[in-house]
């Protein structure tokens, strides 16, 4: 990118004009000034090269490069109160739903280092008030905890719970679950 400002040497005349020069000599002084990364010296002033017609308009953009490889993206699923997967990005299944409000969900790959979230969802069949929802990454470790349903205590399962409106007991409700 072209520098749009340069330092020009000031003259000793004290008349306030850049370099004490006039006309074409002023432009020549600016052309000869060498840009540098540091601030101007005490007897120099910052000048805009555009003021003197030395900088043209910005040219057209260059040709776009090839698209990069797609990122891992977010993975999500909409789960119905009866544990049916209503919609998803792919590869997500409910492993077990053996008690009210408790769902073990398999993402099919490691979730270690991912942000896992659960959000209550309203559907035509389940659109009433509800309590809180929570999520636990299975497999233990710093990011998760122990899951007790058979075959779920690994880092590609999550446990989700949903509760009734007063948060006193677990209850079946629709929810979105996501990992990214």
N, C-alpha and C. Protein backbone atom coordinates (compact mmCIF):
# COMPACT_ATOMS: atom_id res chain seq x y z
N UNK A 1 0.85 -1.17 0.00
CA UNK A 1 0.00 0.00 0.00
C UNK A 1 0.90 1.23 0.00
N UNK A 2 0.60 2.18 -0.85
CA UNK A 2 1.40 3.39 -0.96
C UNK A 2 1.21 4.26 0.27
N UNK A 3 2.31 4.87 0.71
CA UNK A 3 2.20 5.79 1.84
C UNK A 3 1.53 7.06 1.36
N UNK A 4 0.59 7.55 2.12
CA UNK A 4 -0.13 8.75 1.74
C UNK A 4 0.38 9.98 2.47
N UNK A 5 1.32 9.79 3.40
CA UNK A 5 1.88 10.92 4.14
C UNK A 5 3.38 10.76 4.17
N UNK A 6 4.09 11.87 4.07
CA UNK A 6 5.54 11.86 4.19
C UNK A 6 5.96 13.05 5.02
N UNK A 7 7.20 13.00 5.47
CA UNK A 7 7.76 14.13 6.21
C UNK A 7 8.54 14.98 5.22
N UNK A 8 8.38 16.30 5.33
CA UNK A 8 9.12 17.22 4.47
C UNK A 8 9.92 18.15 5.38
N UNK A 9 11.14 18.47 4.95
CA UNK A 9 12.04 19.28 5.76
C UNK A 9 11.56 20.73 5.78
N UNK A 10 11.55 21.30 6.95
CA UNK A 10 11.15 22.70 7.10
C UNK A 10 12.33 23.62 6.86
N UNK A 11 12.06 24.83 6.39
CA UNK A 11 13.12 25.81 6.14
C UNK A 11 13.38 26.67 7.35
N UNK A 12 14.43 27.45 7.29
CA UNK A 12 14.79 28.31 8.40
C UNK A 12 14.17 29.69 8.30
N UNK A 13 13.30 29.92 7.31
CA UNK A 13 12.78 31.27 7.11
C UNK A 13 11.77 31.66 8.16
N UNK A 14 11.11 30.65 8.78
CA UNK A 14 10.13 30.95 9.81
C UNK A 14 8.87 31.57 9.26
N UNK A 15 8.65 31.48 7.94
CA UNK A 15 7.45 32.09 7.37
C UNK A 15 6.26 31.16 7.38
N UNK A 16 6.39 29.94 7.93
CA UNK A 16 5.28 29.01 8.08
C UNK A 16 4.99 28.20 6.84
N UNK A 17 5.66 28.49 5.72
CA UNK A 17 5.42 27.68 4.54
C UNK A 17 6.31 26.46 4.58
N UNK A 18 5.79 25.35 4.03
CA UNK A 18 6.52 24.09 4.05
C UNK A 18 7.86 24.25 3.37
N UNK A 19 8.91 24.07 4.15
CA UNK A 19 10.26 24.10 3.59
C UNK A 19 10.71 25.47 3.14
N UNK A 20 9.92 26.50 3.35
CA UNK A 20 10.30 27.82 2.89
C UNK A 20 10.38 27.89 1.38
N UNK A 21 9.86 26.92 0.67
CA UNK A 21 9.95 26.84 -0.78
C UNK A 21 8.65 27.32 -1.40
N UNK A 22 8.69 27.64 -2.69
CA UNK A 22 7.50 28.08 -3.41
C UNK A 22 7.34 27.27 -4.69
N UNK A 23 6.08 27.16 -5.17
CA UNK A 23 5.79 26.58 -6.48
C UNK A 23 6.31 25.18 -6.66
N UNK A 24 6.93 24.93 -7.84
CA UNK A 24 7.41 23.60 -8.23
C UNK A 24 8.49 23.07 -7.31
N UNK A 25 9.25 23.97 -6.69
CA UNK A 25 10.30 23.50 -5.78
C UNK A 25 9.69 22.83 -4.56
N UNK A 26 8.49 23.25 -4.15
CA UNK A 26 7.82 22.61 -3.02
C UNK A 26 7.49 21.16 -3.36
N UNK A 27 6.94 20.95 -4.56
CA UNK A 27 6.61 19.58 -4.96
C UNK A 27 7.87 18.73 -5.09
N UNK A 28 8.94 19.31 -5.59
CA UNK A 28 10.19 18.57 -5.71
C UNK A 28 10.72 18.18 -4.33
N UNK A 29 10.60 19.07 -3.36
CA UNK A 29 11.04 18.78 -1.99
C UNK A 29 10.24 17.61 -1.42
N UNK A 30 8.95 17.60 -1.67
CA UNK A 30 8.10 16.51 -1.17
C UNK A 30 8.47 15.19 -1.84
N UNK A 31 8.73 15.22 -3.15
CA UNK A 31 9.10 13.99 -3.86
C UNK A 31 10.40 13.40 -3.32
N UNK A 32 11.32 14.27 -2.95
CA UNK A 32 12.61 13.79 -2.47
C UNK A 32 12.57 13.32 -1.03
N UNK A 33 11.55 13.74 -0.29
CA UNK A 33 11.46 13.33 1.12
C UNK A 33 11.31 11.82 1.18
N UNK A 34 12.07 11.18 2.02
CA UNK A 34 12.02 9.73 2.12
C UNK A 34 11.08 9.32 3.25
N UNK A 35 10.11 8.43 2.97
CA UNK A 35 9.23 7.98 4.04
C UNK A 35 9.99 7.10 5.02
N UNK A 36 9.58 7.13 6.24
CA UNK A 36 10.17 6.26 7.25
C UNK A 36 9.08 5.89 8.24
N UNK A 37 9.35 4.90 9.05
CA UNK A 37 8.35 4.39 9.98
C UNK A 37 8.25 5.22 11.25
N UNK A 38 9.21 6.13 11.48
CA UNK A 38 9.19 6.91 12.70
C UNK A 38 8.53 8.26 12.47
N UNK A 39 8.26 8.97 13.53
CA UNK A 39 7.64 10.29 13.43
C UNK A 39 8.60 11.27 12.77
N UNK A 40 8.07 12.37 12.29
CA UNK A 40 8.90 13.41 11.67
C UNK A 40 9.84 14.00 12.70
N UNK A 41 10.99 14.48 12.23
CA UNK A 41 11.95 15.14 13.10
C UNK A 41 11.42 16.52 13.47
N UNK A 42 12.12 17.18 14.38
CA UNK A 42 11.65 18.46 14.92
C UNK A 42 11.42 19.52 13.85
N UNK A 43 12.24 19.58 12.82
CA UNK A 43 12.11 20.63 11.80
C UNK A 43 11.33 20.14 10.59
N UNK A 44 10.59 19.06 10.70
CA UNK A 44 9.80 18.52 9.60
C UNK A 44 8.33 18.55 9.97
N UNK A 45 7.48 18.53 8.97
CA UNK A 45 6.03 18.52 9.17
C UNK A 45 5.44 17.37 8.38
N UNK A 46 4.35 16.80 8.89
CA UNK A 46 3.64 15.76 8.15
C UNK A 46 2.78 16.43 7.09
N UNK A 47 2.91 15.99 5.86
CA UNK A 47 2.10 16.55 4.77
C UNK A 47 1.36 15.43 4.07
N UNK A 48 0.20 15.74 3.56
CA UNK A 48 -0.58 14.78 2.77
C UNK A 48 -0.14 14.89 1.33
N UNK A 49 0.35 13.81 0.76
CA UNK A 49 0.77 13.84 -0.63
C UNK A 49 -0.41 14.07 -1.57
N UNK A 50 -1.60 13.68 -1.13
CA UNK A 50 -2.80 13.90 -1.94
C UNK A 50 -3.09 15.37 -2.15
N UNK A 51 -2.69 16.24 -1.21
CA UNK A 51 -2.92 17.67 -1.35
C UNK A 51 -2.19 18.24 -2.55
N UNK A 52 -1.12 17.61 -2.96
CA UNK A 52 -0.31 18.11 -4.06
C UNK A 52 -0.48 17.27 -5.32
N UNK A 53 -1.48 16.39 -5.33
CA UNK A 53 -1.75 15.59 -6.51
C UNK A 53 -0.75 14.48 -6.74
N UNK A 54 -0.02 14.09 -5.72
CA UNK A 54 1.02 13.06 -5.88
C UNK A 54 0.50 11.65 -5.63
N UNK A 55 -0.70 11.52 -5.13
CA UNK A 55 -1.28 10.22 -4.86
C UNK A 55 -2.57 10.12 -5.65
N UNK A 56 -2.68 9.11 -6.48
CA UNK A 56 -3.87 8.95 -7.30
C UNK A 56 -4.96 8.19 -6.55
N UNK A 57 -6.09 7.99 -7.21
CA UNK A 57 -7.18 7.25 -6.57
C UNK A 57 -6.79 5.78 -6.38
N UNK A 58 -7.44 5.15 -5.45
CA UNK A 58 -7.20 3.73 -5.20
C UNK A 58 -7.68 2.94 -6.41
N UNK A 59 -6.90 2.00 -6.85
CA UNK A 59 -7.23 1.19 -8.02
C UNK A 59 -8.26 0.13 -7.70
N UNK A 60 -8.67 -0.59 -8.74
CA UNK A 60 -9.68 -1.64 -8.55
C UNK A 60 -9.11 -2.79 -7.72
N UNK A 61 -10.00 -3.51 -7.08
CA UNK A 61 -9.59 -4.67 -6.28
C UNK A 61 -9.01 -5.74 -7.18
N UNK A 62 -8.12 -6.52 -6.63
CA UNK A 62 -7.53 -7.62 -7.37
C UNK A 62 -8.47 -8.80 -7.48
N UNK A 63 -8.04 -9.80 -8.19
CA UNK A 63 -8.84 -11.01 -8.38
C UNK A 63 -8.89 -11.77 -7.06
N UNK A 64 -10.08 -12.24 -6.71
CA UNK A 64 -10.25 -13.00 -5.47
C UNK A 64 -9.49 -14.32 -5.55
N UNK A 65 -8.89 -14.69 -4.45
CA UNK A 65 -8.18 -15.96 -4.38
C UNK A 65 -9.14 -17.13 -4.25
N UNK A 66 -8.60 -18.33 -4.30
CA UNK A 66 -9.47 -19.51 -4.18
C UNK A 66 -10.07 -19.60 -2.78
N UNK A 67 -11.27 -20.15 -2.65
CA UNK A 67 -11.87 -20.27 -1.31
C UNK A 67 -11.06 -21.23 -0.45
N UNK A 68 -11.03 -20.94 0.83
CA UNK A 68 -10.31 -21.80 1.77
C UNK A 68 -11.12 -23.04 2.09
N UNK A 69 -10.47 -23.95 2.79
CA UNK A 69 -11.14 -25.18 3.20
C UNK A 69 -12.24 -24.84 4.21
N UNK A 70 -13.37 -25.51 4.14
CA UNK A 70 -14.43 -25.21 5.10
C UNK A 70 -14.01 -25.56 6.52
N UNK A 71 -14.46 -24.77 7.46
CA UNK A 71 -14.18 -25.04 8.86
C UNK A 71 -15.07 -26.15 9.39
N UNK A 72 -14.85 -26.54 10.63
CA UNK A 72 -15.63 -27.66 11.18
C UNK A 72 -17.09 -27.30 11.36
N UNK A 73 -17.39 -26.01 11.51
CA UNK A 73 -18.78 -25.58 11.63
C UNK A 73 -19.46 -26.10 12.89
N UNK A 74 -20.60 -25.54 13.14
CA UNK A 74 -21.40 -25.97 14.29
C UNK A 74 -22.19 -27.21 13.92
N UNK A 75 -22.42 -28.05 14.90
CA UNK A 75 -23.28 -29.23 14.73
C UNK A 75 -24.41 -29.07 15.72
N UNK A 76 -25.62 -29.33 15.28
CA UNK A 76 -26.77 -29.11 16.15
C UNK A 76 -27.88 -30.10 15.81
N UNK A 77 -28.81 -30.23 16.74
CA UNK A 77 -30.01 -31.07 16.53
C UNK A 77 -31.16 -30.48 17.34
N UNK A 78 -32.36 -30.64 16.80
CA UNK A 78 -33.59 -30.30 17.50
C UNK A 78 -34.20 -31.62 17.97
N UNK A 79 -34.34 -31.77 19.28
CA UNK A 79 -34.83 -33.01 19.87
C UNK A 79 -36.24 -32.78 20.42
N UNK A 80 -37.16 -33.67 20.08
CA UNK A 80 -38.55 -33.60 20.57
C UNK A 80 -38.62 -34.16 21.99
N UNK A 81 -39.71 -33.87 22.72
CA UNK A 81 -39.86 -34.39 24.08
C UNK A 81 -39.75 -35.91 24.17
N UNK A 82 -40.17 -36.63 23.12
CA UNK A 82 -40.10 -38.10 23.14
C UNK A 82 -38.75 -38.63 22.65
N UNK A 83 -37.74 -37.77 22.48
CA UNK A 83 -36.38 -38.10 22.06
C UNK A 83 -36.22 -38.32 20.56
N UNK A 84 -37.22 -37.98 19.78
CA UNK A 84 -37.10 -38.04 18.32
C UNK A 84 -36.24 -36.87 17.85
N UNK A 85 -35.33 -37.15 16.93
CA UNK A 85 -34.53 -36.08 16.34
C UNK A 85 -35.38 -35.47 15.22
N UNK A 86 -35.81 -34.23 15.42
CA UNK A 86 -36.68 -33.56 14.45
C UNK A 86 -35.91 -32.92 13.30
N UNK A 87 -34.73 -32.42 13.58
CA UNK A 87 -33.88 -31.79 12.56
C UNK A 87 -32.46 -31.81 13.09
N UNK A 88 -31.47 -31.79 12.18
CA UNK A 88 -30.07 -31.81 12.60
C UNK A 88 -29.15 -31.53 11.44
N UNK A 89 -27.88 -31.30 11.76
CA UNK A 89 -26.86 -31.10 10.74
C UNK A 89 -26.31 -32.43 10.25
N UNK A 90 -26.53 -33.52 10.98
CA UNK A 90 -26.09 -34.85 10.55
C UNK A 90 -25.21 -35.54 11.57
N UNK A 91 -25.38 -36.84 11.70
CA UNK A 91 -24.54 -37.67 12.55
C UNK A 91 -24.86 -37.63 14.03
N UNK A 92 -25.98 -37.04 14.43
CA UNK A 92 -26.34 -36.94 15.85
C UNK A 92 -27.52 -37.86 16.11
N UNK A 93 -27.46 -38.59 17.22
CA UNK A 93 -28.55 -39.48 17.58
C UNK A 93 -28.76 -39.49 19.09
N UNK A 94 -29.98 -39.82 19.50
CA UNK A 94 -30.28 -39.98 20.92
C UNK A 94 -29.97 -41.43 21.28
N UNK A 95 -29.04 -41.64 22.20
CA UNK A 95 -28.65 -42.98 22.61
C UNK A 95 -29.69 -43.60 23.54
N UNK A 96 -30.10 -42.84 24.53
CA UNK A 96 -31.10 -43.35 25.47
C UNK A 96 -31.90 -42.20 26.07
N UNK A 97 -33.17 -42.52 26.36
CA UNK A 97 -34.09 -41.58 27.03
C UNK A 97 -34.92 -42.45 27.98
N UNK A 98 -34.27 -42.92 29.04
CA UNK A 98 -34.89 -43.92 29.90
C UNK A 98 -35.67 -43.33 31.08
N UNK A 99 -35.62 -42.02 31.27
CA UNK A 99 -36.42 -41.40 32.33
C UNK A 99 -36.82 -39.99 31.89
N UNK A 100 -37.86 -39.47 32.48
CA UNK A 100 -38.39 -38.17 32.10
C UNK A 100 -37.33 -37.07 32.21
N UNK A 101 -37.21 -36.30 31.16
CA UNK A 101 -36.31 -35.15 31.16
C UNK A 101 -34.84 -35.46 30.99
N UNK A 102 -34.44 -36.73 30.86
CA UNK A 102 -33.03 -37.09 30.71
C UNK A 102 -32.75 -37.68 29.34
N UNK A 103 -31.77 -37.12 28.65
CA UNK A 103 -31.45 -37.54 27.28
C UNK A 103 -29.95 -37.70 27.14
N UNK A 104 -29.50 -38.86 26.65
CA UNK A 104 -28.10 -39.07 26.30
C UNK A 104 -28.01 -38.97 24.78
N UNK A 105 -27.17 -38.06 24.30
CA UNK A 105 -27.08 -37.76 22.87
C UNK A 105 -25.67 -38.03 22.39
N UNK A 106 -25.56 -38.76 21.28
CA UNK A 106 -24.27 -39.11 20.68
C UNK A 106 -24.03 -38.23 19.46
N UNK A 107 -22.92 -37.46 19.49
CA UNK A 107 -22.55 -36.62 18.35
C UNK A 107 -21.69 -37.39 17.34
N UNK A 108 -21.25 -38.59 17.68
CA UNK A 108 -20.51 -39.42 16.74
C UNK A 108 -19.04 -39.10 16.61
N UNK A 109 -18.55 -38.05 17.26
CA UNK A 109 -17.13 -37.71 17.24
C UNK A 109 -16.81 -36.93 18.51
N UNK A 110 -15.54 -36.78 18.78
CA UNK A 110 -15.10 -36.14 20.02
C UNK A 110 -15.59 -34.69 20.13
N UNK A 111 -16.05 -34.35 21.32
CA UNK A 111 -16.48 -32.98 21.62
C UNK A 111 -15.49 -32.27 22.53
N UNK A 112 -14.37 -32.90 22.83
CA UNK A 112 -13.37 -32.27 23.68
C UNK A 112 -12.90 -30.97 23.04
N UNK A 113 -12.87 -29.92 23.82
CA UNK A 113 -12.45 -28.61 23.32
C UNK A 113 -13.55 -27.86 22.59
N UNK A 114 -14.74 -28.43 22.51
CA UNK A 114 -15.86 -27.77 21.84
C UNK A 114 -16.74 -27.09 22.87
N UNK A 115 -17.48 -26.10 22.43
CA UNK A 115 -18.50 -25.45 23.25
C UNK A 115 -19.79 -26.24 23.04
N UNK A 116 -20.33 -26.83 24.09
CA UNK A 116 -21.59 -27.57 23.98
C UNK A 116 -22.68 -26.77 24.68
N UNK A 117 -23.85 -26.69 24.03
CA UNK A 117 -24.94 -25.88 24.58
C UNK A 117 -26.27 -26.57 24.38
N UNK A 118 -27.20 -26.27 25.29
CA UNK A 118 -28.58 -26.70 25.15
C UNK A 118 -29.45 -25.47 25.32
N UNK A 119 -30.49 -25.38 24.48
CA UNK A 119 -31.41 -24.25 24.50
C UNK A 119 -32.83 -24.81 24.42
N UNK A 120 -33.72 -24.38 25.31
CA UNK A 120 -35.11 -24.85 25.21
C UNK A 120 -35.71 -24.48 23.86
N UNK A 121 -36.57 -25.36 23.34
CA UNK A 121 -37.22 -25.11 22.05
C UNK A 121 -38.73 -25.24 22.20
N UNK A 122 -39.44 -24.41 21.48
CA UNK A 122 -40.89 -24.53 21.42
C UNK A 122 -41.26 -25.17 20.10
N UNK A 123 -42.11 -26.17 20.14
CA UNK A 123 -42.62 -26.81 18.93
C UNK A 123 -44.14 -26.79 18.99
N UNK A 124 -44.79 -27.15 17.91
CA UNK A 124 -46.26 -27.20 17.91
C UNK A 124 -46.78 -28.14 19.00
N UNK A 125 -46.08 -29.24 19.21
CA UNK A 125 -46.53 -30.22 20.20
C UNK A 125 -46.08 -29.89 21.63
N UNK A 126 -45.13 -29.02 21.78
CA UNK A 126 -44.58 -28.70 23.11
C UNK A 126 -44.30 -27.20 23.17
N UNK A 127 -45.34 -26.41 23.43
CA UNK A 127 -45.18 -24.96 23.39
C UNK A 127 -45.55 -24.26 24.70
N UNK A 128 -45.60 -25.01 25.79
CA UNK A 128 -45.93 -24.42 27.08
C UNK A 128 -44.70 -23.98 27.84
N UNK A 129 -44.94 -23.47 29.04
CA UNK A 129 -43.84 -23.05 29.90
C UNK A 129 -43.04 -24.27 30.34
N UNK A 130 -41.80 -24.03 30.68
CA UNK A 130 -40.88 -25.08 31.13
C UNK A 130 -39.85 -24.47 32.04
N UNK A 131 -39.06 -25.31 32.67
CA UNK A 131 -38.00 -24.85 33.56
C UNK A 131 -36.67 -24.78 32.85
N UNK A 132 -35.62 -24.94 33.61
CA UNK A 132 -34.27 -24.84 33.06
C UNK A 132 -33.86 -26.12 32.34
N UNK A 133 -32.83 -25.99 31.52
CA UNK A 133 -32.20 -27.13 30.85
C UNK A 133 -30.72 -27.08 31.19
N UNK A 134 -30.09 -28.23 31.19
CA UNK A 134 -28.65 -28.29 31.44
C UNK A 134 -28.00 -29.31 30.54
N UNK A 135 -26.69 -29.20 30.40
CA UNK A 135 -25.94 -30.12 29.53
C UNK A 135 -24.62 -30.48 30.20
N UNK A 136 -24.20 -31.73 30.02
CA UNK A 136 -22.95 -32.23 30.57
C UNK A 136 -22.23 -33.01 29.49
N UNK A 137 -20.97 -32.69 29.24
CA UNK A 137 -20.15 -33.48 28.33
C UNK A 137 -19.72 -34.73 29.08
N UNK A 138 -20.03 -35.88 28.53
CA UNK A 138 -19.70 -37.15 29.20
C UNK A 138 -18.21 -37.46 29.07
N UNK A 139 -17.75 -38.41 29.86
CA UNK A 139 -16.37 -38.88 29.78
C UNK A 139 -15.45 -38.34 30.84
N UNK A 140 -15.94 -37.51 31.73
CA UNK A 140 -15.09 -36.97 32.80
C UNK A 140 -14.12 -35.92 32.30
N UNK A 141 -13.08 -35.72 33.05
CA UNK A 141 -12.07 -34.72 32.68
C UNK A 141 -12.47 -33.33 33.10
N UNK A 142 -11.64 -32.35 32.73
CA UNK A 142 -11.87 -30.97 33.13
C UNK A 142 -13.13 -30.37 32.51
N UNK A 143 -13.49 -30.81 31.33
CA UNK A 143 -14.61 -30.20 30.62
C UNK A 143 -15.94 -30.89 30.89
N UNK A 144 -15.94 -32.06 31.48
CA UNK A 144 -17.19 -32.80 31.63
C UNK A 144 -17.29 -33.56 32.93
N UNK A 145 -18.10 -34.60 32.90
CA UNK A 145 -18.30 -35.42 34.07
C UNK A 145 -18.66 -36.84 33.70
N UNK A 146 -18.89 -37.68 34.69
CA UNK A 146 -19.23 -39.08 34.48
C UNK A 146 -20.67 -39.22 34.02
N UNK A 147 -20.90 -40.03 33.01
CA UNK A 147 -22.25 -40.37 32.57
C UNK A 147 -22.46 -41.86 32.88
N UNK A 148 -23.66 -42.20 33.33
CA UNK A 148 -23.87 -43.52 33.89
C UNK A 148 -24.64 -44.49 32.99
N UNK A 149 -25.31 -44.01 31.96
CA UNK A 149 -25.99 -44.94 31.04
C UNK A 149 -24.93 -45.74 30.29
N UNK A 150 -25.20 -47.00 30.07
CA UNK A 150 -24.24 -47.89 29.41
C UNK A 150 -23.83 -47.33 28.05
N UNK A 151 -22.53 -47.31 27.79
CA UNK A 151 -21.99 -46.89 26.50
C UNK A 151 -21.97 -45.39 26.25
N UNK A 152 -22.20 -44.59 27.29
CA UNK A 152 -22.25 -43.13 27.08
C UNK A 152 -21.10 -42.38 27.73
N UNK A 153 -20.27 -43.02 28.51
CA UNK A 153 -19.23 -42.31 29.24
C UNK A 153 -17.98 -42.12 28.38
N UNK A 154 -18.13 -41.36 27.32
CA UNK A 154 -17.02 -41.01 26.44
C UNK A 154 -17.22 -39.58 25.96
N UNK A 155 -16.21 -39.03 25.27
CA UNK A 155 -16.24 -37.62 24.92
C UNK A 155 -17.07 -37.28 23.67
N UNK A 156 -17.82 -38.23 23.14
CA UNK A 156 -18.72 -37.86 22.03
C UNK A 156 -20.19 -37.94 22.44
N UNK A 157 -20.46 -38.15 23.72
CA UNK A 157 -21.82 -38.13 24.26
C UNK A 157 -22.01 -36.91 25.17
N UNK A 158 -23.23 -36.41 25.20
CA UNK A 158 -23.63 -35.40 26.18
C UNK A 158 -24.88 -35.88 26.88
N UNK A 159 -25.06 -35.44 28.11
CA UNK A 159 -26.29 -35.69 28.84
C UNK A 159 -27.02 -34.36 28.94
N UNK A 160 -28.30 -34.34 28.55
CA UNK A 160 -29.13 -33.14 28.63
C UNK A 160 -30.30 -33.43 29.55
N UNK A 161 -30.63 -32.47 30.41
CA UNK A 161 -31.84 -32.60 31.21
C UNK A 161 -32.72 -31.38 31.00
N UNK A 162 -34.02 -31.59 31.05
CA UNK A 162 -35.02 -30.53 30.98
C UNK A 162 -35.93 -30.68 32.19
N UNK A 163 -36.46 -29.57 32.70
CA UNK A 163 -37.27 -29.62 33.92
C UNK A 163 -38.64 -28.99 33.71
N UNK A 164 -39.52 -29.23 34.71
CA UNK A 164 -40.85 -28.64 34.67
C UNK A 164 -40.76 -27.15 34.99
N UNK A 165 -41.90 -26.48 34.92
CA UNK A 165 -41.93 -25.02 35.03
C UNK A 165 -41.39 -24.50 36.36
N UNK A 166 -41.53 -25.24 37.45
CA UNK A 166 -40.99 -24.75 38.73
C UNK A 166 -39.62 -25.36 39.07
N UNK A 167 -39.00 -26.02 38.11
CA UNK A 167 -37.66 -26.60 38.25
C UNK A 167 -37.55 -27.63 39.36
N UNK A 168 -38.66 -28.22 39.77
CA UNK A 168 -38.62 -29.16 40.89
C UNK A 168 -38.36 -30.59 40.45
N UNK A 169 -38.73 -30.95 39.23
CA UNK A 169 -38.49 -32.31 38.73
C UNK A 169 -38.15 -32.24 37.24
N UNK A 170 -37.48 -33.29 36.80
CA UNK A 170 -37.19 -33.37 35.37
C UNK A 170 -38.47 -33.69 34.62
N UNK A 171 -38.63 -33.09 33.44
CA UNK A 171 -39.81 -33.30 32.61
C UNK A 171 -39.40 -33.26 31.15
N UNK A 172 -40.08 -34.01 30.31
CA UNK A 172 -39.77 -34.06 28.88
C UNK A 172 -40.16 -32.75 28.20
N UNK A 173 -39.20 -32.15 27.50
CA UNK A 173 -39.44 -30.94 26.71
C UNK A 173 -38.53 -30.94 25.50
N UNK A 174 -38.94 -30.25 24.45
CA UNK A 174 -38.11 -30.10 23.25
C UNK A 174 -36.93 -29.17 23.54
N UNK A 175 -35.82 -29.40 22.82
CA UNK A 175 -34.63 -28.55 23.01
C UNK A 175 -33.73 -28.65 21.78
N UNK A 176 -32.89 -27.64 21.63
CA UNK A 176 -31.80 -27.67 20.66
C UNK A 176 -30.53 -28.00 21.43
N UNK A 177 -29.70 -28.83 20.84
CA UNK A 177 -28.39 -29.12 21.40
C UNK A 177 -27.38 -28.81 20.31
N UNK A 178 -26.25 -28.19 20.69
CA UNK A 178 -25.26 -27.78 19.69
C UNK A 178 -23.85 -27.96 20.22
N UNK A 179 -22.92 -28.14 19.31
CA UNK A 179 -21.49 -28.20 19.63
C UNK A 179 -20.75 -27.50 18.53
N UNK A 180 -19.85 -26.62 18.91
CA UNK A 180 -19.01 -25.92 17.93
C UNK A 180 -17.70 -25.52 18.54
